[in-house]
Amino acid sequence: MARVIVDVMLKPEILDPQGQAIARALPRLGFSGVAGVRQGKRFEVELDGPADEAALAEVRKMAETLLANTVIEDYAVRVEG
């Protein structure tokens, strides 16, 4: 069994109001030195078999079809472990 991670983030040119709210809250909570925050999503996909190229291609297809809105989001697929 293999675990594949799909990280989804807003594209750099898209405003991230949640990230901005977090960045504004950090100094009030005593954290300093943060120039910016962007929030994203993480999906963990457990595969029945190995994470070979065919399986990773299928996960990429999942990301493009359902997990990410590719108009405003980028995604990255990686094998954990």
N, C-alpha and C. Protein backbone atom coordinates (compact mmCIF):
# COMPACT_ATOMS: atom_id res chain seq x y z
N MET A 1 0.86 -1.18 0.00
CA MET A 1 0.00 0.00 0.00
C MET A 1 0.90 1.23 0.00
N ALA A 2 0.53 2.20 -0.80
CA ALA A 2 1.31 3.43 -0.89
C ALA A 2 0.41 4.62 -0.57
N ARG A 3 1.02 5.66 -0.07
CA ARG A 3 0.30 6.90 0.22
C ARG A 3 0.86 8.00 -0.67
N VAL A 4 -0.04 8.67 -1.36
CA VAL A 4 0.33 9.78 -2.23
C VAL A 4 -0.30 11.04 -1.68
N ILE A 5 0.48 12.10 -1.62
CA ILE A 5 0.02 13.39 -1.10
C ILE A 5 -0.23 14.33 -2.28
N VAL A 6 -1.38 14.99 -2.24
CA VAL A 6 -1.70 16.03 -3.22
C VAL A 6 -1.85 17.33 -2.46
N ASP A 7 -0.94 18.26 -2.71
CA ASP A 7 -0.99 19.58 -2.11
C ASP A 7 -1.61 20.55 -3.11
N VAL A 8 -2.63 21.28 -2.68
CA VAL A 8 -3.34 22.22 -3.55
C VAL A 8 -3.19 23.62 -2.96
N MET A 9 -2.74 24.56 -3.79
CA MET A 9 -2.57 25.95 -3.36
C MET A 9 -3.17 26.88 -4.40
N LEU A 10 -3.68 28.01 -3.93
CA LEU A 10 -4.12 29.03 -4.87
C LEU A 10 -2.93 29.49 -5.70
N LYS A 11 -3.18 29.80 -6.96
CA LYS A 11 -2.11 30.33 -7.80
C LYS A 11 -1.64 31.66 -7.22
N PRO A 12 -0.37 32.01 -7.42
CA PRO A 12 0.19 33.22 -6.81
C PRO A 12 -0.58 34.50 -7.13
N GLU A 13 -1.18 34.58 -8.31
CA GLU A 13 -1.88 35.81 -8.68
C GLU A 13 -3.29 35.90 -8.11
N ILE A 14 -3.75 34.86 -7.44
CA ILE A 14 -5.09 34.84 -6.84
C ILE A 14 -4.99 35.29 -5.39
N LEU A 15 -5.84 36.24 -5.00
CA LEU A 15 -5.87 36.71 -3.61
C LEU A 15 -6.26 35.59 -2.68
N ASP A 16 -5.68 35.58 -1.49
CA ASP A 16 -5.94 34.55 -0.49
C ASP A 16 -6.42 35.23 0.79
N PRO A 17 -7.72 35.52 0.91
CA PRO A 17 -8.21 36.24 2.09
C PRO A 17 -8.00 35.48 3.39
N GLN A 18 -8.08 34.16 3.36
CA GLN A 18 -7.85 33.40 4.59
C GLN A 18 -6.39 33.50 5.02
N GLY A 19 -5.49 33.41 4.06
CA GLY A 19 -4.07 33.57 4.37
C GLY A 19 -3.77 34.96 4.90
N GLN A 20 -4.41 35.97 4.32
CA GLN A 20 -4.21 37.34 4.79
C GLN A 20 -4.73 37.51 6.22
N ALA A 21 -5.87 36.91 6.53
CA ALA A 21 -6.42 37.00 7.89
C ALA A 21 -5.48 36.34 8.89
N ILE A 22 -4.92 35.20 8.51
CA ILE A 22 -3.96 34.52 9.39
C ILE A 22 -2.73 35.38 9.59
N ALA A 23 -2.21 35.96 8.51
CA ALA A 23 -1.02 36.81 8.61
C ALA A 23 -1.27 38.01 9.51
N ARG A 24 -2.47 38.60 9.46
CA ARG A 24 -2.77 39.74 10.34
C ARG A 24 -2.92 39.31 11.79
N ALA A 25 -3.39 38.08 12.04
CA ALA A 25 -3.60 37.60 13.40
C ALA A 25 -2.30 37.20 14.09
N LEU A 26 -1.32 36.77 13.35
CA LEU A 26 -0.08 36.27 13.97
C LEU A 26 0.60 37.27 14.89
N PRO A 27 0.80 38.54 14.49
CA PRO A 27 1.44 39.49 15.42
C PRO A 27 0.63 39.68 16.71
N ARG A 28 -0.70 39.65 16.60
CA ARG A 28 -1.53 39.80 17.80
C ARG A 28 -1.36 38.61 18.74
N LEU A 29 -0.93 37.49 18.20
CA LEU A 29 -0.72 36.29 19.02
C LEU A 29 0.73 36.14 19.45
N GLY A 30 1.55 37.15 19.16
CA GLY A 30 2.93 37.15 19.62
C GLY A 30 3.94 36.59 18.63
N PHE A 31 3.51 36.30 17.42
CA PHE A 31 4.43 35.79 16.40
C PHE A 31 4.88 36.93 15.51
N SER A 32 6.20 37.00 15.27
CA SER A 32 6.72 38.08 14.44
C SER A 32 7.59 37.50 13.33
N GLY A 33 7.93 38.36 12.39
CA GLY A 33 8.84 37.95 11.33
C GLY A 33 8.18 37.21 10.18
N VAL A 34 6.85 37.21 10.11
CA VAL A 34 6.14 36.53 9.02
C VAL A 34 5.75 37.57 7.98
N ALA A 35 6.22 37.41 6.77
CA ALA A 35 5.93 38.36 5.70
C ALA A 35 4.60 38.07 5.02
N GLY A 36 4.16 36.83 5.02
CA GLY A 36 2.90 36.49 4.38
C GLY A 36 2.53 35.04 4.64
N VAL A 37 1.26 34.75 4.46
CA VAL A 37 0.75 33.39 4.65
C VAL A 37 -0.19 33.08 3.49
N ARG A 38 -0.09 31.87 2.97
CA ARG A 38 -1.04 31.37 1.96
C ARG A 38 -1.57 30.05 2.48
N GLN A 39 -2.87 29.90 2.42
CA GLN A 39 -3.50 28.68 2.91
C GLN A 39 -3.77 27.74 1.75
N GLY A 40 -3.65 26.45 2.00
CA GLY A 40 -3.91 25.47 0.96
C GLY A 40 -4.64 24.27 1.52
N LYS A 41 -4.69 23.21 0.72
CA LYS A 41 -5.33 21.97 1.10
C LYS A 41 -4.35 20.83 0.88
N ARG A 42 -4.48 19.80 1.70
CA ARG A 42 -3.65 18.59 1.56
C ARG A 42 -4.57 17.39 1.52
N PHE A 43 -4.37 16.55 0.53
CA PHE A 43 -5.14 15.31 0.40
C PHE A 43 -4.17 14.14 0.51
N GLU A 44 -4.52 13.13 1.28
CA GLU A 44 -3.74 11.91 1.38
C GLU A 44 -4.53 10.80 0.70
N VAL A 45 -3.96 10.25 -0.36
CA VAL A 45 -4.62 9.21 -1.14
C VAL A 45 -3.88 7.91 -0.90
N GLU A 46 -4.57 6.93 -0.33
CA GLU A 46 -3.96 5.62 -0.11
C GLU A 46 -4.30 4.72 -1.28
N LEU A 47 -3.28 4.15 -1.88
CA LEU A 47 -3.44 3.29 -3.05
C LEU A 47 -3.41 1.83 -2.62
N ASP A 48 -4.12 1.00 -3.37
CA ASP A 48 -4.10 -0.44 -3.10
C ASP A 48 -2.76 -1.05 -3.46
N GLY A 49 -2.12 -0.55 -4.48
CA GLY A 49 -0.85 -1.10 -4.94
C GLY A 49 0.27 -0.10 -4.83
N PRO A 50 1.33 -0.31 -5.58
CA PRO A 50 2.48 0.59 -5.53
C PRO A 50 2.20 1.92 -6.21
N ALA A 51 2.99 2.90 -5.86
CA ALA A 51 2.86 4.25 -6.45
C ALA A 51 3.76 4.32 -7.69
N ASP A 52 3.42 3.52 -8.69
CA ASP A 52 4.18 3.55 -9.94
C ASP A 52 3.67 4.68 -10.82
N GLU A 53 4.25 4.83 -11.99
CA GLU A 53 3.88 5.96 -12.86
C GLU A 53 2.41 5.93 -13.26
N ALA A 54 1.86 4.74 -13.49
CA ALA A 54 0.44 4.64 -13.87
C ALA A 54 -0.45 5.11 -12.72
N ALA A 55 -0.11 4.72 -11.50
CA ALA A 55 -0.90 5.13 -10.34
C ALA A 55 -0.78 6.63 -10.12
N LEU A 56 0.42 7.18 -10.27
CA LEU A 56 0.60 8.63 -10.09
C LEU A 56 -0.14 9.41 -11.17
N ALA A 57 -0.17 8.88 -12.38
CA ALA A 57 -0.94 9.53 -13.45
C ALA A 57 -2.42 9.56 -13.10
N GLU A 58 -2.90 8.48 -12.49
CA GLU A 58 -4.30 8.43 -12.07
C GLU A 58 -4.58 9.45 -10.96
N VAL A 59 -3.67 9.60 -10.01
CA VAL A 59 -3.83 10.58 -8.94
C VAL A 59 -3.80 11.99 -9.53
N ARG A 60 -2.94 12.24 -10.49
CA ARG A 60 -2.92 13.56 -11.15
C ARG A 60 -4.26 13.83 -11.83
N LYS A 61 -4.83 12.81 -12.44
CA LYS A 61 -6.14 12.96 -13.07
C LYS A 61 -7.20 13.27 -12.02
N MET A 62 -7.12 12.61 -10.85
CA MET A 62 -8.04 12.91 -9.73
C MET A 62 -7.91 14.37 -9.32
N ALA A 63 -6.67 14.83 -9.22
CA ALA A 63 -6.42 16.21 -8.79
C ALA A 63 -7.02 17.19 -9.79
N GLU A 64 -6.81 16.94 -11.06
CA GLU A 64 -7.33 17.85 -12.10
C GLU A 64 -8.85 17.82 -12.20
N THR A 65 -9.44 16.67 -11.90
CA THR A 65 -10.89 16.49 -12.06
C THR A 65 -11.67 16.93 -10.83
N LEU A 66 -11.14 16.64 -9.63
CA LEU A 66 -11.93 16.84 -8.42
C LEU A 66 -11.23 17.61 -7.32
N LEU A 67 -9.98 17.33 -7.07
CA LEU A 67 -9.32 17.87 -5.88
C LEU A 67 -8.92 19.34 -6.01
N ALA A 68 -8.60 19.77 -7.22
CA ALA A 68 -8.15 21.15 -7.43
C ALA A 68 -9.01 21.82 -8.50
N ASN A 69 -9.25 23.10 -8.30
CA ASN A 69 -9.87 23.92 -9.34
C ASN A 69 -8.72 24.53 -10.12
N THR A 70 -8.36 23.91 -11.23
CA THR A 70 -7.14 24.29 -11.94
C THR A 70 -7.19 25.68 -12.57
N VAL A 71 -8.35 26.31 -12.55
CA VAL A 71 -8.44 27.69 -13.03
C VAL A 71 -7.75 28.62 -12.04
N ILE A 72 -7.91 28.35 -10.74
CA ILE A 72 -7.35 29.25 -9.72
C ILE A 72 -6.35 28.56 -8.79
N GLU A 73 -6.17 27.24 -8.92
CA GLU A 73 -5.29 26.52 -8.01
C GLU A 73 -4.25 25.71 -8.78
N ASP A 74 -3.08 25.58 -8.16
CA ASP A 74 -2.03 24.68 -8.63
C ASP A 74 -2.01 23.48 -7.69
N TYR A 75 -1.49 22.37 -8.16
CA TYR A 75 -1.37 21.21 -7.29
C TYR A 75 -0.03 20.52 -7.53
N ALA A 76 0.41 19.78 -6.51
CA ALA A 76 1.63 18.99 -6.61
C ALA A 76 1.33 17.61 -6.04
N VAL A 77 1.84 16.59 -6.72
CA VAL A 77 1.63 15.20 -6.30
C VAL A 77 2.98 14.64 -5.89
N ARG A 78 3.01 13.97 -4.73
CA ARG A 78 4.26 13.36 -4.28
C ARG A 78 3.94 12.09 -3.50
N VAL A 79 4.86 11.18 -3.50
CA VAL A 79 4.72 9.93 -2.75
C VAL A 79 5.28 10.16 -1.35
N GLU A 80 4.53 9.77 -0.35
CA GLU A 80 5.00 9.93 1.03
C GLU A 80 5.86 8.71 1.39
N GLY A 81 6.96 9.03 2.10
CA GLY A 81 7.81 7.95 2.59
C GLY A 81 8.78 7.49 1.65
